[in-house]
Every structure is written in structure tokens, then in C-alpha cells.
PDB file of N, CA and C in Angstrom:
ATOM      1  N   MET A   1       0.975  -1.264  -0.539  1.00  0.00           N
ATOM      2  CA  MET A   1       0.245  -0.410   0.210  1.00  0.00           C
ATOM      3  C   MET A   1       0.757   1.232  -0.010  1.00  0.00           C
ATOM      4  N   ASN A   2       0.649   2.334  -0.927  1.00  0.00           N
ATOM      5  CA  ASN A   2       1.271   3.291  -0.697  1.00  0.00           C
ATOM      6  C   ASN A   2       0.816   4.435   0.267  1.00  0.00           C
ATOM      7  N   ASN A   3       2.119   5.565   0.827  1.00  0.00           N
ATOM      8  CA  ASN A   3       1.235   5.339   1.904  1.00  0.00           C
ATOM      9  C   ASN A   3       1.834   7.186   1.791  1.00  0.00           C
ATOM     10  N   ASN A   4       2.004   7.446   0.749  1.00  0.00           N
ATOM     11  CA  ASN A   4       2.493   8.615   0.201  1.00  0.00           C
ATOM     12  C   ASN A   4       1.158   8.936   0.141  1.00  0.00           C
ATOM     13  N   LEU A   5       0.873  11.062   0.334  1.00  0.00           N
ATOM     14  CA  LEU A   5      -0.543  11.914   0.831  1.00  0.00           C
ATOM     15  C   LEU A   5      -0.465  12.179  -0.387  1.00  0.00           C
ATOM     16  N   ILE A   6      -1.923  12.372  -0.925  1.00  0.00           N
ATOM     17  CA  ILE A   6      -2.598  13.377  -2.186  1.00  0.00           C
ATOM     18  C   ILE A   6      -2.894  14.529  -0.926  1.00  0.00           C
ATOM     19  N   LYS A   7      -3.284  15.191  -1.499  1.00  0.00           N
ATOM     20  CA  LYS A   7      -3.841  16.513  -1.060  1.00  0.00           C
ATOM     21  C   LYS A   7      -4.858  17.234  -2.445  1.00  0.00           C
ATOM     22  N   ILE A   8      -6.239  17.677  -2.167  1.00  0.00           N
ATOM     23  CA  ILE A   8      -6.711  18.243  -3.083  1.00  0.00           C
ATOM     24  C   ILE A   8      -8.175  19.824  -2.219  1.00  0.00           C
ATOM     25  N   TYR A   9      -7.189  20.726  -3.024  1.00  0.00           N
ATOM     26  CA  TYR A   9      -7.363  22.252  -2.363  1.00  0.00           C
ATOM     27  C   TYR A   9      -9.451  22.620  -4.160  1.00  0.00           C
ATOM     28  N   SER A  10      -9.802  22.462  -3.103  1.00  0.00           N
ATOM     29  CA  SER A  10     -11.204  22.498  -3.916  1.00  0.00           C
ATOM     30  C   SER A  10     -11.994  23.121  -3.423  1.00  0.00           C
ATOM     31  N   SER A  11     -13.523  23.789  -3.364  1.00  0.00           N
ATOM     32  CA  SER A  11     -14.181  24.434  -3.253  1.00  0.00           C
ATOM     33  C   SER A  11     -15.609  23.500  -3.966  1.00  0.00           C
ATOM     34  N   PRO A  12     -16.843  23.640  -3.307  1.00  0.00           N
ATOM     35  CA  PRO A  12     -18.281  23.489  -3.242  1.00  0.00           C
ATOM     36  C   PRO A  12     -18.871  23.477  -4.585  1.00  0.00           C
ATOM     37  N   ASP A  13     -18.491  24.840  -4.974  1.00  0.00           N
ATOM     38  CA  ASP A  13     -19.166  25.179  -6.454  1.00  0.00           C
ATOM     39  C   ASP A  13     -18.469  25.336  -7.451  1.00  0.00           C
ATOM     40  N   CYS A  14     -17.127  24.861  -7.619  1.00  0.00           N
ATOM     41  CA  CYS A  14     -16.101  23.999  -8.782  1.00  0.00           C
ATOM     42  C   CYS A  14     -16.692  22.554  -9.237  1.00  0.00           C
ATOM     43  N   PRO A  15     -16.920  22.612 -10.117  1.00  0.00           N
ATOM     44  CA  PRO A  15     -17.037  21.419 -10.838  1.00  0.00           C
ATOM     45  C   PRO A  15     -15.983  20.978 -11.841  1.00  0.00           C
ATOM     46  N   TYR A  16     -15.066  21.234 -11.532  1.00  0.00           N
ATOM     47  CA  TYR A  16     -13.372  19.831 -11.689  1.00  0.00           C
ATOM     48  C   TYR A  16     -13.089  19.215 -10.182  1.00  0.00           C
ATOM     49  N   CYS A  17     -13.448  20.210  -9.299  1.00  0.00           N
ATOM     50  CA  CYS A  17     -13.219  20.137  -7.976  1.00  0.00           C
ATOM     51  C   CYS A  17     -13.395  18.239  -8.039  1.00  0.00           C
ATOM     52  N   TYR A  18     -14.941  17.712  -8.428  1.00  0.00           N
ATOM     53  CA  TYR A  18     -15.654  16.626  -7.933  1.00  0.00           C
ATOM     54  C   TYR A  18     -15.122  15.634  -9.034  1.00  0.00           C
ATOM     55  N   THR A  19     -14.745  16.293 -10.493  1.00  0.00           N
ATOM     56  CA  THR A  19     -14.396  15.707 -11.408  1.00  0.00           C
ATOM     57  C   THR A  19     -13.004  14.971 -10.592  1.00  0.00           C
ATOM     58  N   VAL A  20     -12.578  15.066 -10.230  1.00  0.00           N
ATOM     59  CA  VAL A  20     -11.143  15.393  -9.630  1.00  0.00           C
ATOM     60  C   VAL A  20     -11.317  14.044  -8.658  1.00  0.00           C
ATOM     61  N   LYS A  21     -12.183  14.631  -8.101  1.00  0.00           N
ATOM     62  CA  LYS A  21     -12.301  13.509  -6.306  1.00  0.00           C
ATOM     63  C   LYS A  21     -13.265  13.050  -7.251  1.00  0.00           C
ATOM     64  N   ASP A  22     -14.308  12.243  -7.684  1.00  0.00           N
ATOM     65  CA  ASP A  22     -14.758  11.090  -8.082  1.00  0.00           C
ATOM     66  C   ASP A  22     -13.033  10.337  -9.249  1.00  0.00           C
ATOM     67  N   TYR A  23     -12.750  10.350  -9.967  1.00  0.00           N
ATOM     68  CA  TYR A  23     -11.884  10.247 -10.252  1.00  0.00           C
ATOM     69  C   TYR A  23     -11.163   9.249  -9.319  1.00  0.00           C
ATOM     70  N   LEU A  24     -10.273   9.664  -8.359  1.00  0.00           N
ATOM     71  CA  LEU A  24      -9.737   9.310  -7.508  1.00  0.00           C
ATOM     72  C   LEU A  24     -10.568   8.194  -6.870  1.00  0.00           C
ATOM     73  N   ASN A  25     -12.129   8.581  -6.508  1.00  0.00           N
ATOM     74  CA  ASN A  25     -12.502   7.366  -5.258  1.00  0.00           C
ATOM     75  C   ASN A  25     -13.303   6.543  -6.392  1.00  0.00           C
ATOM     76  N   GLN A  26     -13.464   6.530  -7.836  1.00  0.00           N
ATOM     77  CA  GLN A  26     -13.211   5.393  -8.851  1.00  0.00           C
ATOM     78  C   GLN A  26     -12.150   4.375  -8.396  1.00  0.00           C
ATOM     79  N   LYS A  27     -10.793   5.238  -8.252  1.00  0.00           N
ATOM     80  CA  LYS A  27      -9.834   4.940  -8.269  1.00  0.00           C
ATOM     81  C   LYS A  27      -9.521   3.684  -6.912  1.00  0.00           C
ATOM     82  N   GLY A  28     -10.193   4.086  -5.953  1.00  0.00           N
ATOM     83  CA  GLY A  28      -9.966   3.709  -4.828  1.00  0.00           C
ATOM     84  C   GLY A  28      -9.086   3.727  -3.768  1.00  0.00           C
ATOM     85  N   ILE A  29      -8.726   5.566  -4.308  1.00  0.00           N
ATOM     86  CA  ILE A  29      -7.149   6.048  -3.850  1.00  0.00           C
ATOM     87  C   ILE A  29      -7.779   6.831  -2.785  1.00  0.00           C
ATOM     88  N   ASN A  30      -7.450   6.971  -1.912  1.00  0.00           N
ATOM     89  CA  ASN A  30      -7.499   7.951  -0.405  1.00  0.00           C
ATOM     90  C   ASN A  30      -6.955   9.392  -0.689  1.00  0.00           C
ATOM     91  N   PHE A  31      -7.423  10.344  -0.370  1.00  0.00           N
ATOM     92  CA  PHE A  31      -6.671  11.910  -0.250  1.00  0.00           C
ATOM     93  C   PHE A  31      -7.988  12.440   0.779  1.00  0.00           C
ATOM     94  N   GLU A  32      -6.996  13.142   1.184  1.00  0.00           N
ATOM     95  CA  GLU A  32      -6.718  14.797   1.938  1.00  0.00           C
ATOM     96  C   GLU A  32      -8.139  15.792   1.013  1.00  0.00           C
ATOM     97  N   GLU A  33      -9.110  16.355   1.598  1.00  0.00           N
ATOM     98  CA  GLU A  33      -9.908  17.287   0.365  1.00  0.00           C
ATOM     99  C   GLU A  33      -9.802  18.641   1.795  1.00  0.00           C
ATOM    100  N   ILE A  34      -9.068  19.555   0.980  1.00  0.00           N
ATOM    101  CA  ILE A  34      -8.856  20.830   1.954  1.00  0.00           C
ATOM    102  C   ILE A  34      -9.982  21.680   1.399  1.00  0.00           C
ATOM    103  N   ASP A  35     -10.949  21.950   1.577  1.00  0.00           N
ATOM    104  CA  ASP A  35     -12.378  22.785   0.817  1.00  0.00           C
ATOM    105  C   ASP A  35     -11.708  23.937   1.672  1.00  0.00           C
ATOM    106  N   LEU A  36     -12.387  25.202   0.830  1.00  0.00           N
ATOM    107  CA  LEU A  36     -11.268  26.055   0.870  1.00  0.00           C
ATOM    108  C   LEU A  36     -12.804  27.270   0.831  1.00  0.00           C
ATOM    109  N   TYR A  37     -14.071  26.528   1.010  1.00  0.00           N
ATOM    110  CA  TYR A  37     -15.103  27.867   1.206  1.00  0.00           C
ATOM    111  C   TYR A  37     -14.757  27.863   2.589  1.00  0.00           C
ATOM    112  N   GLU A  38     -14.268  26.057   3.645  1.00  0.00           N
ATOM    113  CA  GLU A  38     -14.808  26.113   5.151  1.00  0.00           C
ATOM    114  C   GLU A  38     -12.889  26.187   5.658  1.00  0.00           C
ATOM    115  N   GLU A  39     -11.925  26.398   5.327  1.00  0.00           N
ATOM    116  CA  GLU A  39     -10.269  26.498   5.153  1.00  0.00           C
ATOM    117  C   GLU A  39     -10.366  28.247   4.275  1.00  0.00           C
ATOM    118  N   PRO A  40     -10.513  29.136   4.364  1.00  0.00           N
ATOM    119  CA  PRO A  40      -9.973  30.366   4.312  1.00  0.00           C
ATOM    120  C   PRO A  40      -8.900  30.410   4.304  1.00  0.00           C
ATOM    121  N   GLU A  41      -8.725  30.392   5.025  1.00  0.00           N
ATOM    122  CA  GLU A  41      -6.988  30.404   5.112  1.00  0.00           C
ATOM    123  C   GLU A  41      -6.423  29.591   4.559  1.00  0.00           C
ATOM    124  N   LYS A  42      -6.796  28.496   4.404  1.00  0.00           N
ATOM    125  CA  LYS A  42      -6.141  27.366   3.434  1.00  0.00           C
ATOM    126  C   LYS A  42      -5.870  28.033   2.030  1.00  0.00           C
ATOM    127  N   ARG A  43      -5.909  29.439   1.778  1.00  0.00           N
ATOM    128  CA  ARG A  43      -6.302  29.466   0.144  1.00  0.00           C
ATOM    129  C   ARG A  43      -4.535  30.290   0.415  1.00  0.00           C
ATOM    130  N   LYS A  44      -3.847  30.854   0.862  1.00  0.00           N
ATOM    131  CA  LYS A  44      -2.214  30.906   0.503  1.00  0.00           C
ATOM    132  C   LYS A  44      -1.238  30.149   0.213  1.00  0.00           C
ATOM    133  N   GLU A  45      -1.707  29.152   1.505  1.00  0.00           N
ATOM    134  CA  GLU A  45      -0.878  28.074   0.750  1.00  0.00           C
ATOM    135  C   GLU A  45      -0.859  27.771  -0.211  1.00  0.00           C
ATOM    136  N   MET A  46      -2.220  26.736  -1.116  1.00  0.00           N
ATOM    137  CA  MET A  46      -2.554  26.627  -2.018  1.00  0.00           C
ATOM    138  C   MET A  46      -1.971  27.580  -3.318  1.00  0.00           C
ATOM    139  N   GLU A  47      -1.807  28.685  -2.855  1.00  0.00           N
ATOM    140  CA  GLU A  47      -1.074  29.772  -3.687  1.00  0.00           C
ATOM    141  C   GLU A  47       0.226  29.678  -3.961  1.00  0.00           C
ATOM    142  N   GLU A  48       0.583  28.711  -2.503  1.00  0.00           N
ATOM    143  CA  GLU A  48       2.462  29.063  -2.909  1.00  0.00           C
ATOM    144  C   GLU A  48       2.740  28.317  -2.947  1.00  0.00           C
ATOM    145  N   ILE A  49       2.032  27.121  -2.950  1.00  0.00           N
ATOM    146  CA  ILE A  49       2.058  25.230  -3.205  1.00  0.00           C
ATOM    147  C   ILE A  49       2.277  26.251  -5.079  1.00  0.00           C
ATOM    148  N   SER A  50       0.647  26.050  -5.724  1.00  0.00           N
ATOM    149  CA  SER A  50       0.998  26.395  -7.251  1.00  0.00           C
ATOM    150  C   SER A  50       1.335  27.695  -8.272  1.00  0.00           C
ATOM    151  N   HIS A  51       0.865  28.571  -7.625  1.00  0.00           N
ATOM    152  CA  HIS A  51       1.853  30.088  -7.522  1.00  0.00           C
ATOM    153  C   HIS A  51       0.497  30.088  -8.872  1.00  0.00           C
ATOM    154  N   GLN A  52      -0.566  30.074  -8.494  1.00  0.00           N
ATOM    155  CA  GLN A  52      -2.643  30.692  -8.996  1.00  0.00           C
ATOM    156  C   GLN A  52      -3.008  30.351  -8.251  1.00  0.00           C
ATOM    157  N   LYS A  53      -4.114  30.821  -8.185  1.00  0.00           N
ATOM    158  CA  LYS A  53      -5.110  31.054  -7.534  1.00  0.00           C
ATOM    159  C   LYS A  53      -6.369  29.508  -8.498  1.00  0.00           C
ATOM    160  N   ASN A  54      -5.886  29.326  -8.474  1.00  0.00           N
ATOM    161  CA  ASN A  54      -7.401  28.467  -9.506  1.00  0.00           C
ATOM    162  C   ASN A  54      -7.210  27.052  -8.822  1.00  0.00           C
ATOM    163  N   ILE A  55      -8.488  26.989  -8.650  1.00  0.00           N
ATOM    164  CA  ILE A  55      -8.897  25.141  -8.571  1.00  0.00           C
ATOM    165  C   ILE A  55      -9.752  24.191  -9.133  1.00  0.00           C
ATOM    166  N   PRO A  56      -9.094  23.327  -9.701  1.00  0.00           N
ATOM    167  CA  PRO A  56      -8.821  22.302  -8.332  1.00  0.00           C
ATOM    168  C   PRO A  56      -7.168  22.094  -8.309  1.00  0.00           C
ATOM    169  N   VAL A  57      -5.946  22.459  -7.590  1.00  0.00           N
ATOM    170  CA  VAL A  57      -4.710  21.983  -7.173  1.00  0.00           C
ATOM    171  C   VAL A  57      -4.754  20.874  -6.225  1.00  0.00           C
ATOM    172  N   LEU A  58      -4.249  19.874  -6.672  1.00  0.00           N
ATOM    173  CA  LEU A  58      -4.142  18.569  -6.526  1.00  0.00           C
ATOM    174  C   LEU A  58      -2.186  18.300  -6.376  1.00  0.00           C
ATOM    175  N   VAL A  59      -2.339  18.075  -5.516  1.00  0.00           N
ATOM    176  CA  VAL A  59      -0.493  17.760  -4.977  1.00  0.00           C
ATOM    177  C   VAL A  59      -0.557  16.501  -4.396  1.00  0.00           C
ATOM    178  N   ILE A  60       0.379  15.614  -5.615  1.00  0.00           N
ATOM    179  CA  ILE A  60       0.456  13.960  -5.306  1.00  0.00           C
ATOM    180  C   ILE A  60       2.040  14.320  -4.766  1.00  0.00           C
ATOM    181  N   ASN A  61       2.271  13.587  -3.527  1.00  0.00           N
ATOM    182  CA  ASN A  61       3.853  13.392  -3.088  1.00  0.00           C
ATOM    183  C   ASN A  61       4.432  14.710  -3.614  1.00  0.00           C
ATOM    184  N   ASN A  62       4.058  15.871  -3.413  1.00  0.00           N
ATOM    185  CA  ASN A  62       4.841  17.499  -3.336  1.00  0.00           C
ATOM    186  C   ASN A  62       4.552  17.771  -4.622  1.00  0.00           C
ATOM    187  N   GLU A  63       4.189  17.112  -5.666  1.00  0.00           N
ATOM    188  CA  GLU A  63       4.040  17.412  -6.939  1.00  0.00           C
ATOM    189  C   GLU A  63       2.559  17.954  -7.563  1.00  0.00           C
ATOM    190  N   VAL A  64       2.179  19.143  -7.587  1.00  0.00           N
ATOM    191  CA  VAL A  64       1.294  20.124  -7.697  1.00  0.00           C
ATOM    192  C   VAL A  64       0.534  19.310  -9.725  1.00  0.00           C
ATOM    193  N   VAL A  65      -0.567  19.486  -9.609  1.00  0.00           N
ATOM    194  CA  VAL A  65      -1.722  19.340 -10.799  1.00  0.00           C
ATOM    195  C   VAL A  65      -2.340  20.245 -10.606  1.00  0.00           C
ATOM    196  N   VAL A  66      -2.964  21.316 -11.652  1.00  0.00           N
ATOM    197  CA  VAL A  66      -3.689  22.557 -11.497  1.00  0.00           C
ATOM    198  C   VAL A  66      -4.726  22.273 -13.033  1.00  0.00           C
ATOM    199  N   GLY A  67      -6.131  21.998 -11.894  1.00  0.00           N
ATOM    200  CA  GLY A  67      -6.972  21.972 -12.732  1.00  0.00           C
ATOM    201  C   GLY A  67      -7.340  20.046 -12.895  1.00  0.00           C
ATOM    202  N   TRP A  68      -7.948  19.528 -14.020  1.00  0.00           N
ATOM    203  CA  TRP A  68      -8.922  19.018 -14.184  1.00  0.00           C
ATOM    204  C   TRP A  68      -7.731  18.370 -15.631  1.00  0.00           C
ATOM    205  N   ASN A  69      -6.676  17.447 -15.350  1.00  0.00           N
ATOM    206  CA  ASN A  69      -5.019  17.326 -15.889  1.00  0.00           C
ATOM    207  C   ASN A  69      -5.060  15.304 -15.986  1.00  0.00           C
ATOM    208  N   LYS A  70      -6.057  14.431 -16.743  1.00  0.00           N
ATOM    209  CA  LYS A  70      -5.954  12.963 -16.601  1.00  0.00           C
ATOM    210  C   LYS A  70      -5.082  12.183 -16.297  1.00  0.00           C
ATOM    211  N   GLU A  71      -4.265  12.839 -18.138  1.00  0.00           N
ATOM    212  CA  GLU A  71      -3.562  11.980 -18.346  1.00  0.00           C
ATOM    213  C   GLU A  71      -1.785  12.970 -17.578  1.00  0.00           C
ATOM    214  N   LYS A  72      -1.435  13.879 -16.760  1.00  0.00           N
ATOM    215  CA  LYS A  72      -0.743  14.130 -15.605  1.00  0.00           C
ATOM    216  C   LYS A  72      -0.848  13.520 -14.383  1.00  0.00           C
ATOM    217  N   ILE A  73      -2.171  13.735 -14.397  1.00  0.00           N
ATOM    218  CA  ILE A  73      -3.022  12.812 -12.866  1.00  0.00           C
ATOM    219  C   ILE A  73      -2.355  10.747 -12.519  1.00  0.00           C
ATOM    220  N   ASP A  74      -2.698  10.287 -14.110  1.00  0.00           N
ATOM    221  CA  ASP A  74      -2.564   9.205 -14.317  1.00  0.00           C
ATOM    222  C   ASP A  74      -0.903   8.991 -14.059  1.00  0.00           C
ATOM    223  N   GLU A  75       0.040   9.853 -14.440  1.00  0.00           N
ATOM    224  CA  GLU A  75       1.227  10.239 -14.783  1.00  0.00           C
ATOM    225  C   GLU A  75       1.843   9.869 -13.435  1.00  0.00           C
ATOM    226  N   LEU A  76       1.065  10.553 -12.399  1.00  0.00           N
ATOM    227  CA  LEU A  76       2.316  10.864 -10.816  1.00  0.00           C
ATOM    228  C   LEU A  76       1.060   9.934 -10.047  1.00  0.00           C
ATOM    229  N   LEU A  77       0.267   9.679 -10.600  1.00  0.00           N
ATOM    230  CA  LEU A  77      -0.250   7.704  -9.752  1.00  0.00           C
ATOM    231  C   LEU A  77       1.008   7.343  -9.655  1.00  0.00           C
ATOM    232  N   LYS A  78       1.073   6.507 -11.389  1.00  0.00           N
ATOM    233  CA  LYS A  78       1.729   5.558 -11.563  1.00  0.00           C
ATOM    234  C   LYS A  78       3.206   5.994 -10.873  1.00  0.00           C
ATOM    235  N   LYS A  79       3.972   6.840 -11.113  1.00  0.00           N
ATOM    236  CA  LYS A  79       5.303   7.373 -10.702  1.00  0.00           C
ATOM    237  C   LYS A  79       4.966   7.216  -9.031  1.00  0.00           C
ATOM    238  N   TYR A  80       3.536   7.196  -8.165  1.00  0.00           N
ATOM    239  CA  TYR A  80       4.273   7.276  -7.141  1.00  0.00           C
ATOM    240  C   TYR A  80       3.600   5.707  -6.662  1.00  0.00           C
ATOM    241  N   GLY A  81       3.134   5.016  -7.401  1.00  0.00           N
ATOM    242  CA  GLY A  81       2.519   3.715  -7.191  1.00  0.00           C
ATOM    243  C   GLY A  81       1.547   3.831  -6.558  1.00  0.00           C
ATOM    244  N   PHE A  82       0.914   4.857  -6.528  1.00  0.00           N
ATOM    245  CA  PHE A  82      -0.650   4.637  -6.577  1.00  0.00           C
ATOM    246  C   PHE A  82      -1.571   3.714  -7.083  1.00  0.00           C
ATOM    247  N   ILE A  83      -1.800   4.084  -8.705  1.00  0.00           N
ATOM    248  CA  ILE A  83      -2.098   2.265  -9.699  1.00  0.00           C
ATOM    249  C   ILE A  83      -0.348   2.239 -10.538  1.00  0.00           C
TER     250      ILE A  83
END
């Protein structure tokens, strides 16, 4: 089992956030969700990590994917042994 951490910075009004979360759930991959609506103080942290304001921001073992980019997400999931 892979113990690396996956984080998703999201908000309830972001359709691509749901797409990313659904995709990971379908693959049985656990992740930590940071809801920027409930935790607005985390936005600065997200912007420092991603160097932008767009969501979703997906962090896989300290590598960042912004938005719904299936190819990049799959690449990192394979690289770090999630799939």
C-alpha cells in the first residue's frame, strides 16, 4: 500500500474539483480534501504551492497538478505507486 499523501484544494462550487475527486474515488485512492470554502485561510498555502489561484489543485507527493488534467494525474499516480 502506498502511504504517500494526496491533497486536493477545492470548493463546493467547482465542477472540476468534483471530477478529480470522483476519478480518485473510482480508483479507490484516498486523499485529503481541503475545502477552501470551509477553510479560507488555506488559500494562501494553496497559492504558494501552485503559484496561482485556480482550483482544483492536486498535490501528489509534493508534485502539483492544477485543474482536471487526467494524463498528468495518471502519470503521477503511476510514478508514486498509487496505480
